[in-house]
Amino acid sequence: MADEREFGVKSDGSWSEMEAVLDVMVEVSAILGTAEMPISQILKLGRGAVVELERFVGEDIELHANNELIAKGEIIVVDDRLGVTVTDVIKRPSG
């Protein structure tokens, strides 16, 4: 019955207690990389400026929910839009 707890759906097709949180908003971010630079340099950036990130092409990106690392993934292109494929879910220690 682990599936019921994990997905919130009972074997008869009805929702379990999870239904209470299904409408809770969560901010999800895909972190492509980061860079550190002084404000003076940031103020000089213009349209088309390139900022070098600490990651390389082909490296996993990080997925965060409410600023917490939850998974790693890869960038994909779907119908001229960017998307993310989850490659590894980060499990937090329980307790």
N, C-alpha and C. Protein backbone atom coordinates (compact mmCIF):
# COMPACT_ATOMS: atom_id res chain seq x y z
N MET A 1 0.80 -1.20 0.00
CA MET A 1 0.00 0.00 0.00
C MET A 1 0.85 1.26 0.00
N ALA A 2 2.14 1.16 -0.28
CA ALA A 2 2.99 2.35 -0.31
C ALA A 2 2.54 3.32 -1.38
N ASP A 3 1.98 2.80 -2.47
CA ASP A 3 1.51 3.68 -3.53
C ASP A 3 0.42 4.62 -3.07
N GLU A 4 -0.47 4.14 -2.18
CA GLU A 4 -1.54 5.00 -1.68
C GLU A 4 -0.96 6.19 -0.94
N ARG A 5 -0.01 5.95 -0.05
CA ARG A 5 0.58 7.05 0.71
C ARG A 5 1.36 7.97 -0.20
N GLU A 6 2.04 7.41 -1.17
CA GLU A 6 2.90 8.20 -2.03
C GLU A 6 2.10 9.10 -2.95
N PHE A 7 1.03 8.63 -3.53
CA PHE A 7 0.30 9.39 -4.52
C PHE A 7 -1.05 9.91 -4.04
N GLY A 8 -1.51 9.47 -2.88
CA GLY A 8 -2.76 9.99 -2.32
C GLY A 8 -4.01 9.40 -2.91
N VAL A 9 -3.93 8.35 -3.71
CA VAL A 9 -5.11 7.74 -4.32
C VAL A 9 -5.33 6.36 -3.71
N LYS A 10 -6.53 6.12 -3.24
CA LYS A 10 -6.86 4.82 -2.66
C LYS A 10 -7.15 3.82 -3.78
N SER A 11 -7.14 2.54 -3.44
CA SER A 11 -7.37 1.50 -4.43
C SER A 11 -8.75 1.60 -5.07
N ASP A 12 -9.73 2.23 -4.39
CA ASP A 12 -11.07 2.38 -4.99
C ASP A 12 -11.17 3.62 -5.88
N GLY A 13 -10.04 4.33 -6.05
CA GLY A 13 -10.02 5.50 -6.94
C GLY A 13 -10.31 6.81 -6.24
N SER A 14 -10.67 6.78 -4.96
CA SER A 14 -10.93 8.02 -4.23
C SER A 14 -9.63 8.58 -3.68
N TRP A 15 -9.66 9.86 -3.30
CA TRP A 15 -8.47 10.52 -2.77
C TRP A 15 -8.36 10.26 -1.28
N SER A 16 -7.14 10.15 -0.79
CA SER A 16 -6.90 10.01 0.64
C SER A 16 -6.72 11.40 1.26
N GLU A 17 -6.11 11.46 2.42
CA GLU A 17 -5.89 12.73 3.12
C GLU A 17 -5.05 13.72 2.30
N MET A 18 -4.34 13.24 1.31
CA MET A 18 -3.52 14.10 0.47
C MET A 18 -4.34 15.17 -0.25
N GLU A 19 -5.62 14.92 -0.43
CA GLU A 19 -6.48 15.85 -1.15
C GLU A 19 -6.43 17.25 -0.54
N ALA A 20 -6.23 17.34 0.76
CA ALA A 20 -6.22 18.62 1.45
C ALA A 20 -5.06 19.52 1.00
N VAL A 21 -3.99 18.96 0.47
CA VAL A 21 -2.83 19.77 0.09
C VAL A 21 -2.65 19.90 -1.42
N LEU A 22 -3.54 19.35 -2.20
CA LEU A 22 -3.35 19.35 -3.65
C LEU A 22 -3.39 20.75 -4.27
N ASP A 23 -4.03 21.72 -3.62
CA ASP A 23 -4.10 23.07 -4.15
C ASP A 23 -3.06 24.02 -3.55
N VAL A 24 -2.16 23.50 -2.72
CA VAL A 24 -1.13 24.33 -2.11
C VAL A 24 -0.12 24.73 -3.19
N MET A 25 0.16 26.03 -3.28
CA MET A 25 1.10 26.54 -4.27
C MET A 25 2.54 26.31 -3.79
N VAL A 26 3.40 25.86 -4.69
CA VAL A 26 4.81 25.64 -4.41
C VAL A 26 5.62 26.33 -5.50
N GLU A 27 6.61 27.12 -5.11
CA GLU A 27 7.47 27.76 -6.09
C GLU A 27 8.55 26.77 -6.53
N VAL A 28 8.59 26.48 -7.82
CA VAL A 28 9.56 25.53 -8.36
C VAL A 28 10.54 26.30 -9.25
N SER A 29 11.84 26.06 -9.04
CA SER A 29 12.89 26.73 -9.80
C SER A 29 13.83 25.71 -10.40
N ALA A 30 14.24 25.94 -11.63
CA ALA A 30 15.28 25.14 -12.27
C ALA A 30 16.54 25.99 -12.29
N ILE A 31 17.55 25.58 -11.54
CA ILE A 31 18.77 26.36 -11.40
C ILE A 31 19.78 25.89 -12.45
N LEU A 32 19.98 26.73 -13.44
CA LEU A 32 20.91 26.40 -14.52
C LEU A 32 22.35 26.58 -14.09
N GLY A 33 22.57 27.45 -13.14
CA GLY A 33 23.91 27.73 -12.65
C GLY A 33 23.89 29.05 -11.91
N THR A 34 25.01 29.38 -11.31
CA THR A 34 25.12 30.64 -10.58
C THR A 34 26.42 31.33 -10.94
N ALA A 35 26.46 32.62 -10.67
CA ALA A 35 27.67 33.41 -10.89
C ALA A 35 27.73 34.45 -9.79
N GLU A 36 28.93 34.81 -9.40
CA GLU A 36 29.12 35.85 -8.40
C GLU A 36 29.83 37.01 -9.07
N MET A 37 29.25 38.20 -8.93
CA MET A 37 29.87 39.39 -9.53
C MET A 37 29.47 40.62 -8.73
N PRO A 38 30.31 41.65 -8.78
CA PRO A 38 29.99 42.87 -8.05
C PRO A 38 28.81 43.61 -8.68
N ILE A 39 28.10 44.36 -7.86
CA ILE A 39 26.94 45.12 -8.35
C ILE A 39 27.34 46.04 -9.49
N SER A 40 28.53 46.62 -9.42
CA SER A 40 28.96 47.53 -10.49
C SER A 40 28.99 46.83 -11.84
N GLN A 41 29.38 45.56 -11.85
CA GLN A 41 29.41 44.79 -13.10
C GLN A 41 27.99 44.44 -13.55
N ILE A 42 27.12 44.11 -12.60
CA ILE A 42 25.73 43.79 -12.93
C ILE A 42 25.05 45.00 -13.57
N LEU A 43 25.32 46.20 -13.04
CA LEU A 43 24.70 47.42 -13.57
C LEU A 43 25.15 47.72 -15.00
N LYS A 44 26.30 47.20 -15.40
CA LYS A 44 26.80 47.42 -16.76
C LYS A 44 26.23 46.43 -17.78
N LEU A 45 25.54 45.38 -17.30
CA LEU A 45 24.99 44.39 -18.21
C LEU A 45 23.88 45.02 -19.05
N GLY A 46 23.86 44.68 -20.29
CA GLY A 46 22.81 45.16 -21.18
C GLY A 46 22.17 43.99 -21.91
N ARG A 47 21.23 44.32 -22.79
CA ARG A 47 20.56 43.29 -23.58
C ARG A 47 21.60 42.50 -24.38
N GLY A 48 21.48 41.19 -24.31
CA GLY A 48 22.39 40.31 -25.04
C GLY A 48 23.68 40.00 -24.30
N ALA A 49 23.84 40.54 -23.09
CA ALA A 49 25.04 40.26 -22.32
C ALA A 49 25.09 38.79 -21.95
N VAL A 50 26.28 38.26 -21.88
CA VAL A 50 26.47 36.85 -21.51
C VAL A 50 27.12 36.80 -20.14
N VAL A 51 26.52 36.03 -19.24
CA VAL A 51 27.07 35.83 -17.91
C VAL A 51 27.53 34.38 -17.82
N GLU A 52 28.81 34.19 -17.54
CA GLU A 52 29.36 32.83 -17.44
C GLU A 52 28.94 32.20 -16.12
N LEU A 53 28.39 31.00 -16.21
CA LEU A 53 27.96 30.26 -15.03
C LEU A 53 29.00 29.21 -14.67
N GLU A 54 28.91 28.67 -13.45
CA GLU A 54 29.90 27.70 -13.00
C GLU A 54 29.64 26.30 -13.53
N ARG A 55 28.57 26.09 -14.26
CA ARG A 55 28.24 24.76 -14.80
C ARG A 55 28.66 24.67 -16.27
N PHE A 56 28.76 23.44 -16.74
CA PHE A 56 29.14 23.18 -18.12
C PHE A 56 27.98 22.54 -18.87
N VAL A 57 28.01 22.63 -20.18
CA VAL A 57 27.00 21.99 -21.02
C VAL A 57 26.98 20.50 -20.71
N GLY A 58 25.79 19.95 -20.55
CA GLY A 58 25.65 18.52 -20.28
C GLY A 58 25.60 18.17 -18.81
N GLU A 59 25.94 19.11 -17.94
CA GLU A 59 25.85 18.84 -16.50
C GLU A 59 24.40 18.89 -16.06
N ASP A 60 24.10 18.16 -14.99
CA ASP A 60 22.75 18.20 -14.41
C ASP A 60 22.45 19.60 -13.89
N ILE A 61 21.18 19.98 -13.96
CA ILE A 61 20.73 21.21 -13.32
C ILE A 61 20.03 20.82 -12.02
N GLU A 62 19.84 21.79 -11.14
CA GLU A 62 19.15 21.53 -9.88
C GLU A 62 17.72 22.00 -9.96
N LEU A 63 16.81 21.24 -9.37
CA LEU A 63 15.41 21.62 -9.25
C LEU A 63 15.13 21.89 -7.78
N HIS A 64 14.58 23.07 -7.50
CA HIS A 64 14.28 23.47 -6.14
C HIS A 64 12.78 23.70 -6.00
N ALA A 65 12.22 23.34 -4.85
CA ALA A 65 10.85 23.66 -4.49
C ALA A 65 10.92 24.46 -3.19
N ASN A 66 10.39 25.68 -3.23
CA ASN A 66 10.48 26.57 -2.07
C ASN A 66 11.90 26.67 -1.54
N ASN A 67 12.85 26.83 -2.45
CA ASN A 67 14.28 27.01 -2.15
C ASN A 67 14.96 25.78 -1.55
N GLU A 68 14.33 24.62 -1.64
CA GLU A 68 14.92 23.36 -1.17
C GLU A 68 15.25 22.49 -2.37
N LEU A 69 16.47 21.95 -2.43
CA LEU A 69 16.84 21.04 -3.51
C LEU A 69 15.99 19.78 -3.43
N ILE A 70 15.26 19.47 -4.52
CA ILE A 70 14.40 18.29 -4.52
C ILE A 70 14.79 17.27 -5.58
N ALA A 71 15.51 17.73 -6.63
CA ALA A 71 15.84 16.81 -7.72
C ALA A 71 16.94 17.40 -8.59
N LYS A 72 17.47 16.55 -9.45
CA LYS A 72 18.40 16.99 -10.49
C LYS A 72 17.78 16.59 -11.82
N GLY A 73 18.14 17.31 -12.87
CA GLY A 73 17.54 17.02 -14.16
C GLY A 73 18.38 17.53 -15.31
N GLU A 74 17.81 17.40 -16.50
CA GLU A 74 18.47 17.86 -17.73
C GLU A 74 17.50 18.76 -18.49
N ILE A 75 18.06 19.75 -19.19
CA ILE A 75 17.25 20.65 -20.02
C ILE A 75 16.86 19.92 -21.29
N ILE A 76 15.60 20.06 -21.69
CA ILE A 76 15.12 19.52 -22.97
C ILE A 76 14.37 20.62 -23.71
N VAL A 77 14.19 20.44 -25.00
CA VAL A 77 13.41 21.37 -25.80
C VAL A 77 12.17 20.63 -26.30
N VAL A 78 10.99 21.23 -26.04
CA VAL A 78 9.72 20.65 -26.46
C VAL A 78 8.94 21.74 -27.18
N ASP A 79 8.69 21.57 -28.47
CA ASP A 79 7.94 22.55 -29.25
C ASP A 79 8.47 23.96 -29.06
N ASP A 80 9.76 24.17 -29.25
CA ASP A 80 10.41 25.48 -29.14
C ASP A 80 10.36 26.07 -27.73
N ARG A 81 10.09 25.26 -26.73
CA ARG A 81 10.09 25.73 -25.34
C ARG A 81 11.08 24.88 -24.55
N LEU A 82 11.64 25.48 -23.52
CA LEU A 82 12.56 24.73 -22.66
C LEU A 82 11.77 23.97 -21.60
N GLY A 83 12.24 22.80 -21.28
CA GLY A 83 11.64 21.99 -20.23
C GLY A 83 12.74 21.28 -19.47
N VAL A 84 12.34 20.52 -18.47
CA VAL A 84 13.31 19.79 -17.65
C VAL A 84 12.85 18.35 -17.52
N THR A 85 13.76 17.43 -17.71
CA THR A 85 13.53 16.02 -17.44
C THR A 85 14.19 15.70 -16.11
N VAL A 86 13.43 15.15 -15.17
CA VAL A 86 13.98 14.79 -13.86
C VAL A 86 14.78 13.52 -14.01
N THR A 87 16.05 13.55 -13.58
CA THR A 87 16.91 12.39 -13.68
C THR A 87 17.21 11.74 -12.32
N ASP A 88 17.06 12.53 -11.24
CA ASP A 88 17.36 12.01 -9.91
C ASP A 88 16.58 12.79 -8.88
N VAL A 89 15.78 12.09 -8.08
CA VAL A 89 15.03 12.73 -7.00
C VAL A 89 15.86 12.67 -5.73
N ILE A 90 16.01 13.82 -5.08
CA ILE A 90 16.80 13.90 -3.86
C ILE A 90 15.89 13.61 -2.67
N LYS A 91 16.20 12.56 -1.95
CA LYS A 91 15.39 12.20 -0.78
C LYS A 91 16.02 12.78 0.46
N ARG A 92 15.22 13.49 1.23
CA ARG A 92 15.69 14.06 2.48
C ARG A 92 15.57 13.02 3.58
N PRO A 93 16.51 13.00 4.49
CA PRO A 93 16.42 12.05 5.60
C PRO A 93 15.18 12.34 6.43
N SER A 94 14.44 11.31 6.79
CA SER A 94 13.24 11.50 7.60
C SER A 94 13.65 11.59 9.06
N GLY A 95 12.89 12.38 9.78
CA GLY A 95 13.18 12.45 11.20
C GLY A 95 13.14 13.78 11.68
